N, C-alpha and C. Protein backbone atom coordinates (compact mmCIF):
# COMPACT_ATOMS: atom_id res chain seq x y z
N MET A 1 -74.64 -68.25 8.68
CA MET A 1 -72.99 -68.82 9.65
C MET A 1 -72.40 -69.36 9.05
N GLY A 2 -71.43 -69.39 9.07
CA GLY A 2 -70.07 -70.22 8.47
C GLY A 2 -69.09 -70.80 9.57
N LEU A 3 -68.34 -71.85 9.23
CA LEU A 3 -67.27 -72.28 9.76
C LEU A 3 -65.86 -72.39 9.04
N ILE A 4 -64.95 -72.01 9.85
CA ILE A 4 -63.72 -72.60 9.39
C ILE A 4 -63.05 -73.52 10.12
N LEU A 5 -62.64 -74.89 9.96
CA LEU A 5 -62.55 -75.91 10.59
C LEU A 5 -61.06 -76.39 10.37
N GLU A 6 -59.97 -76.08 11.02
CA GLU A 6 -58.22 -76.37 10.95
C GLU A 6 -58.12 -77.46 11.91
N GLY A 7 -58.28 -78.56 11.63
CA GLY A 7 -57.57 -79.67 12.92
C GLY A 7 -58.54 -79.56 13.81
N ASN A 8 -58.49 -79.20 14.94
CA ASN A 8 -59.04 -79.12 16.51
C ASN A 8 -59.57 -77.74 16.70
N LYS A 9 -58.95 -77.09 15.79
CA LYS A 9 -59.17 -75.55 15.72
C LYS A 9 -60.56 -75.02 15.15
N PHE A 10 -61.52 -74.25 15.54
CA PHE A 10 -62.39 -73.79 14.38
C PHE A 10 -62.83 -72.30 14.75
N ALA A 11 -63.26 -71.61 13.76
CA ALA A 11 -64.26 -70.41 13.79
C ALA A 11 -65.38 -70.25 13.37
N VAL A 12 -66.29 -69.75 14.17
CA VAL A 12 -67.92 -69.73 13.40
C VAL A 12 -67.91 -68.43 13.21
N LEU A 13 -68.36 -68.42 12.05
CA LEU A 13 -68.28 -66.92 11.25
C LEU A 13 -70.09 -66.49 11.16
N THR A 14 -70.22 -65.30 11.20
CA THR A 14 -71.60 -64.32 11.04
C THR A 14 -71.45 -63.97 9.86
N ASP A 15 -71.97 -64.29 8.81
CA ASP A 15 -72.18 -63.26 7.58
C ASP A 15 -73.02 -63.43 6.91
N ILE A 16 -73.90 -62.21 6.75
CA ILE A 16 -75.16 -61.98 6.14
C ILE A 16 -74.64 -62.46 4.57
N LEU A 17 -73.50 -62.03 4.25
CA LEU A 17 -73.40 -62.06 2.69
C LEU A 17 -73.24 -63.57 2.20
N GLY A 18 -72.91 -64.22 2.70
CA GLY A 18 -72.85 -65.40 2.05
C GLY A 18 -71.58 -65.65 1.57
N ASP A 19 -70.68 -65.24 1.93
CA ASP A 19 -69.30 -65.62 1.64
C ASP A 19 -68.75 -67.01 2.03
N GLU A 20 -69.30 -67.18 2.96
CA GLU A 20 -68.79 -68.19 3.62
C GLU A 20 -69.44 -69.78 3.14
N ASP A 21 -70.45 -69.62 2.20
CA ASP A 21 -70.81 -70.81 1.11
C ASP A 21 -69.80 -71.17 0.38
N HIS A 22 -68.91 -70.60 -0.22
CA HIS A 22 -67.45 -71.06 -0.84
C HIS A 22 -66.63 -71.06 0.02
N LEU A 23 -66.40 -70.58 0.82
CA LEU A 23 -64.85 -70.14 1.17
C LEU A 23 -64.95 -71.11 2.73
N GLY A 24 -66.18 -71.70 3.26
CA GLY A 24 -66.10 -72.24 4.65
C GLY A 24 -66.47 -73.91 4.54
N ASP A 25 -66.51 -74.49 6.02
CA ASP A 25 -66.49 -75.87 5.91
C ASP A 25 -68.40 -75.97 6.11
N MET A 26 -69.04 -74.96 6.84
CA MET A 26 -70.28 -75.23 7.21
C MET A 26 -70.97 -73.88 6.30
N ASP A 27 -72.19 -73.97 5.92
CA ASP A 27 -73.14 -72.65 5.62
C ASP A 27 -74.39 -73.15 6.28
N PHE A 28 -74.39 -72.34 7.13
CA PHE A 28 -75.71 -72.79 8.36
C PHE A 28 -76.71 -71.44 8.31
N LYS A 29 -78.15 -71.50 8.01
CA LYS A 29 -78.80 -70.36 7.72
C LYS A 29 -79.62 -70.87 9.16
N VAL A 30 -80.40 -69.84 9.69
CA VAL A 30 -81.19 -69.62 10.79
C VAL A 30 -81.72 -68.34 10.75
N ALA A 31 -83.19 -68.80 10.46
CA ALA A 31 -84.48 -67.70 10.29
C ALA A 31 -85.25 -67.94 11.66
N GLY A 32 -85.84 -66.77 12.14
CA GLY A 32 -86.72 -66.45 13.12
C GLY A 32 -87.55 -65.53 13.58
N THR A 33 -87.84 -65.35 14.64
CA THR A 33 -88.59 -63.97 15.21
C THR A 33 -87.92 -63.46 16.47
N THR A 34 -88.34 -62.87 17.19
CA THR A 34 -87.43 -62.58 18.62
C THR A 34 -88.13 -63.63 19.89
N GLU A 35 -88.81 -64.37 19.38
CA GLU A 35 -89.46 -65.18 20.24
C GLU A 35 -88.65 -67.09 20.31
N GLY A 36 -88.19 -66.74 18.70
CA GLY A 36 -87.32 -68.08 18.50
C GLY A 36 -87.20 -68.72 17.04
N VAL A 37 -86.43 -69.55 16.91
CA VAL A 37 -85.94 -70.04 15.60
C VAL A 37 -87.17 -70.57 14.89
N THR A 38 -87.28 -70.20 13.86
CA THR A 38 -88.80 -70.94 12.96
C THR A 38 -88.06 -71.82 11.84
N ALA A 39 -86.58 -71.53 11.16
CA ALA A 39 -86.38 -72.52 10.00
C ALA A 39 -84.51 -72.76 10.46
N LEU A 40 -84.50 -73.66 9.80
CA LEU A 40 -82.87 -74.47 9.66
C LEU A 40 -82.63 -74.61 8.42
N GLN A 41 -81.29 -74.60 8.01
CA GLN A 41 -80.68 -75.09 6.14
C GLN A 41 -79.19 -75.14 6.96
N MET A 42 -78.73 -76.43 6.50
CA MET A 42 -77.21 -76.53 6.65
C MET A 42 -76.70 -77.28 5.59
N ASP A 43 -75.60 -77.03 5.19
CA ASP A 43 -74.59 -77.63 4.25
C ASP A 43 -73.63 -77.61 4.44
N ILE A 44 -72.45 -78.99 4.87
CA ILE A 44 -71.33 -79.04 4.87
C ILE A 44 -70.72 -79.56 4.55
N LYS A 45 -69.18 -79.32 4.65
CA LYS A 45 -68.54 -79.91 3.67
C LYS A 45 -67.60 -81.04 4.56
N ILE A 46 -67.68 -81.28 5.43
CA ILE A 46 -67.29 -82.13 6.73
C ILE A 46 -67.81 -82.98 6.89
N GLN A 47 -67.19 -84.08 7.54
CA GLN A 47 -67.78 -85.52 7.96
C GLN A 47 -69.21 -85.03 9.02
N GLY A 48 -68.76 -84.03 9.91
CA GLY A 48 -70.00 -83.59 11.20
C GLY A 48 -69.96 -82.57 11.72
N ILE A 49 -70.67 -82.30 12.51
CA ILE A 49 -70.54 -81.00 13.30
C ILE A 49 -70.58 -81.62 14.95
N THR A 50 -69.75 -80.65 15.76
CA THR A 50 -69.75 -81.18 16.65
C THR A 50 -71.03 -80.66 17.74
N LYS A 51 -71.32 -80.87 19.00
CA LYS A 51 -72.31 -80.24 19.73
C LYS A 51 -71.70 -78.88 20.13
N GLU A 52 -70.74 -78.61 20.52
CA GLU A 52 -69.61 -77.22 20.63
C GLU A 52 -70.01 -76.18 19.62
N ILE A 53 -69.67 -76.82 18.35
CA ILE A 53 -70.07 -75.92 17.39
C ILE A 53 -71.50 -75.46 16.78
N MET A 54 -72.03 -76.69 17.45
CA MET A 54 -73.38 -76.34 17.17
C MET A 54 -74.29 -74.94 18.02
N GLN A 55 -73.75 -75.26 19.34
CA GLN A 55 -74.17 -74.68 20.54
C GLN A 55 -73.49 -72.71 19.94
N ILE A 56 -72.32 -72.90 19.49
CA ILE A 56 -71.82 -71.64 19.41
C ILE A 56 -72.30 -71.18 18.11
N ALA A 57 -73.04 -71.66 17.11
CA ALA A 57 -73.21 -71.47 15.87
C ALA A 57 -74.52 -70.84 15.98
N LEU A 58 -75.65 -71.47 17.48
CA LEU A 58 -76.65 -71.12 17.43
C LEU A 58 -76.99 -69.79 18.30
N ALA A 59 -75.98 -69.50 19.16
CA ALA A 59 -75.98 -68.88 20.06
C ALA A 59 -75.34 -67.32 18.98
N GLN A 60 -74.51 -67.25 18.62
CA GLN A 60 -73.90 -66.55 17.66
C GLN A 60 -75.28 -65.92 16.37
N ALA A 61 -76.04 -66.91 16.11
CA ALA A 61 -77.24 -66.90 15.02
C ALA A 61 -78.33 -65.83 15.77
N GLN A 62 -78.50 -66.25 16.62
CA GLN A 62 -79.79 -65.58 17.61
C GLN A 62 -78.99 -64.69 17.93
N GLU A 63 -77.93 -64.00 18.16
CA GLU A 63 -77.39 -62.46 18.64
C GLU A 63 -77.56 -61.98 17.03
N ALA A 64 -77.13 -62.09 16.05
CA ALA A 64 -77.52 -61.67 15.04
C ALA A 64 -78.62 -61.13 14.52
N ARG A 65 -79.64 -62.48 14.53
CA ARG A 65 -81.06 -62.42 14.27
C ARG A 65 -81.73 -61.09 15.07
N LEU A 66 -81.29 -60.95 16.40
CA LEU A 66 -81.92 -60.06 17.49
C LEU A 66 -81.34 -58.87 17.12
N HIS A 67 -80.68 -58.54 16.52
CA HIS A 67 -79.86 -57.39 15.54
C HIS A 67 -80.29 -56.81 14.82
N ILE A 68 -80.63 -58.13 13.95
CA ILE A 68 -81.26 -57.26 12.48
C ILE A 68 -82.96 -57.38 12.82
N LEU A 69 -83.36 -58.09 13.28
CA LEU A 69 -85.04 -57.74 14.08
C LEU A 69 -85.10 -56.20 14.59
N LYS A 70 -83.96 -55.82 15.23
CA LYS A 70 -84.45 -54.83 15.93
C LYS A 70 -83.97 -53.26 14.91
N GLN A 71 -82.98 -53.60 14.18
CA GLN A 71 -82.40 -52.82 12.83
C GLN A 71 -84.19 -52.54 12.12
N MET A 72 -84.67 -53.62 11.86
CA MET A 72 -85.83 -53.67 11.18
C MET A 72 -87.27 -52.70 11.91
N GLN A 73 -87.18 -53.34 12.76
CA GLN A 73 -88.22 -52.29 14.01
C GLN A 73 -87.85 -50.87 14.15
N ASN A 74 -86.64 -50.32 14.50
CA ASN A 74 -86.14 -49.57 14.36
C ASN A 74 -86.55 -48.75 12.81
N ALA A 75 -86.42 -49.18 11.87
CA ALA A 75 -86.74 -48.39 10.70
C ALA A 75 -88.21 -48.32 9.89
N VAL A 76 -88.86 -49.20 10.95
CA VAL A 76 -90.39 -49.33 10.61
C VAL A 76 -90.85 -48.11 11.54
N ALA A 77 -91.65 -47.01 11.00
CA ALA A 77 -92.45 -46.00 11.83
C ALA A 77 -93.23 -47.01 12.75
N GLU A 78 -94.15 -47.43 12.44
CA GLU A 78 -95.40 -47.78 13.12
C GLU A 78 -95.99 -49.31 12.58
N TYR A 79 -96.44 -50.02 13.23
CA TYR A 79 -97.19 -51.29 12.86
C TYR A 79 -98.06 -50.94 11.81
N ARG A 80 -98.37 -51.54 10.85
CA ARG A 80 -99.23 -51.82 9.58
C ARG A 80 -100.25 -52.62 10.32
N LYS A 81 -101.81 -52.66 9.95
CA LYS A 81 -102.74 -53.58 9.95
C LYS A 81 -102.59 -54.19 8.66
N PRO A 82 -102.89 -55.58 8.85
CA PRO A 82 -103.13 -56.49 7.43
C PRO A 82 -104.28 -56.05 6.88
N CYS A 83 -104.12 -56.28 5.25
CA CYS A 83 -105.32 -55.93 4.48
C CYS A 83 -106.35 -56.54 5.03
N ARG A 84 -107.35 -56.35 4.97
CA ARG A 84 -108.58 -57.29 5.44
C ARG A 84 -108.75 -58.34 4.46
N ASN A 85 -108.04 -58.31 3.17
CA ASN A 85 -108.17 -59.66 2.44
C ASN A 85 -107.32 -60.42 2.75
N THR A 86 -106.13 -60.00 3.49
CA THR A 86 -104.88 -60.92 4.09
C THR A 86 -105.43 -62.02 4.17
N ARG A 87 -105.23 -63.78 4.50
CA ARG A 87 -105.26 -64.47 5.27
C ARG A 87 -104.02 -64.95 5.65
N ARG A 88 -104.10 -64.84 6.81
CA ARG A 88 -103.05 -65.90 8.00
C ARG A 88 -103.03 -67.42 7.68
N ALA A 89 -101.75 -67.85 7.63
CA ALA A 89 -101.11 -68.74 7.42
C ALA A 89 -101.26 -69.65 8.65
N CYS A 90 -101.82 -70.45 8.86
CA CYS A 90 -101.82 -71.05 10.46
C CYS A 90 -101.59 -72.73 10.25
N LEU A 91 -100.70 -73.27 10.94
CA LEU A 91 -100.51 -75.13 10.93
C LEU A 91 -101.25 -75.63 12.35
N PRO A 92 -101.66 -76.63 11.84
CA PRO A 92 -102.42 -77.60 12.93
C PRO A 92 -101.70 -77.86 14.12
């Protein structure tokens, strides 16, 4: 996710290529599953981010994440069972 801010006007960008890293005022990565967000990372070049900007960025990130996950699900023919030697990572 990216941000272009000019005065009181702003635009939140959805960009999987990462062009907003260099061209925008914010670089915001959101990772997760269909059930929710699992990780966030943000770099900003401005003083701060408003609640409105965060709400819009998170909503657009959710829409994009679910779209990408749906494309991935459509590309995989069927669920593969994990190898018997594979351990699951669990946090307390």
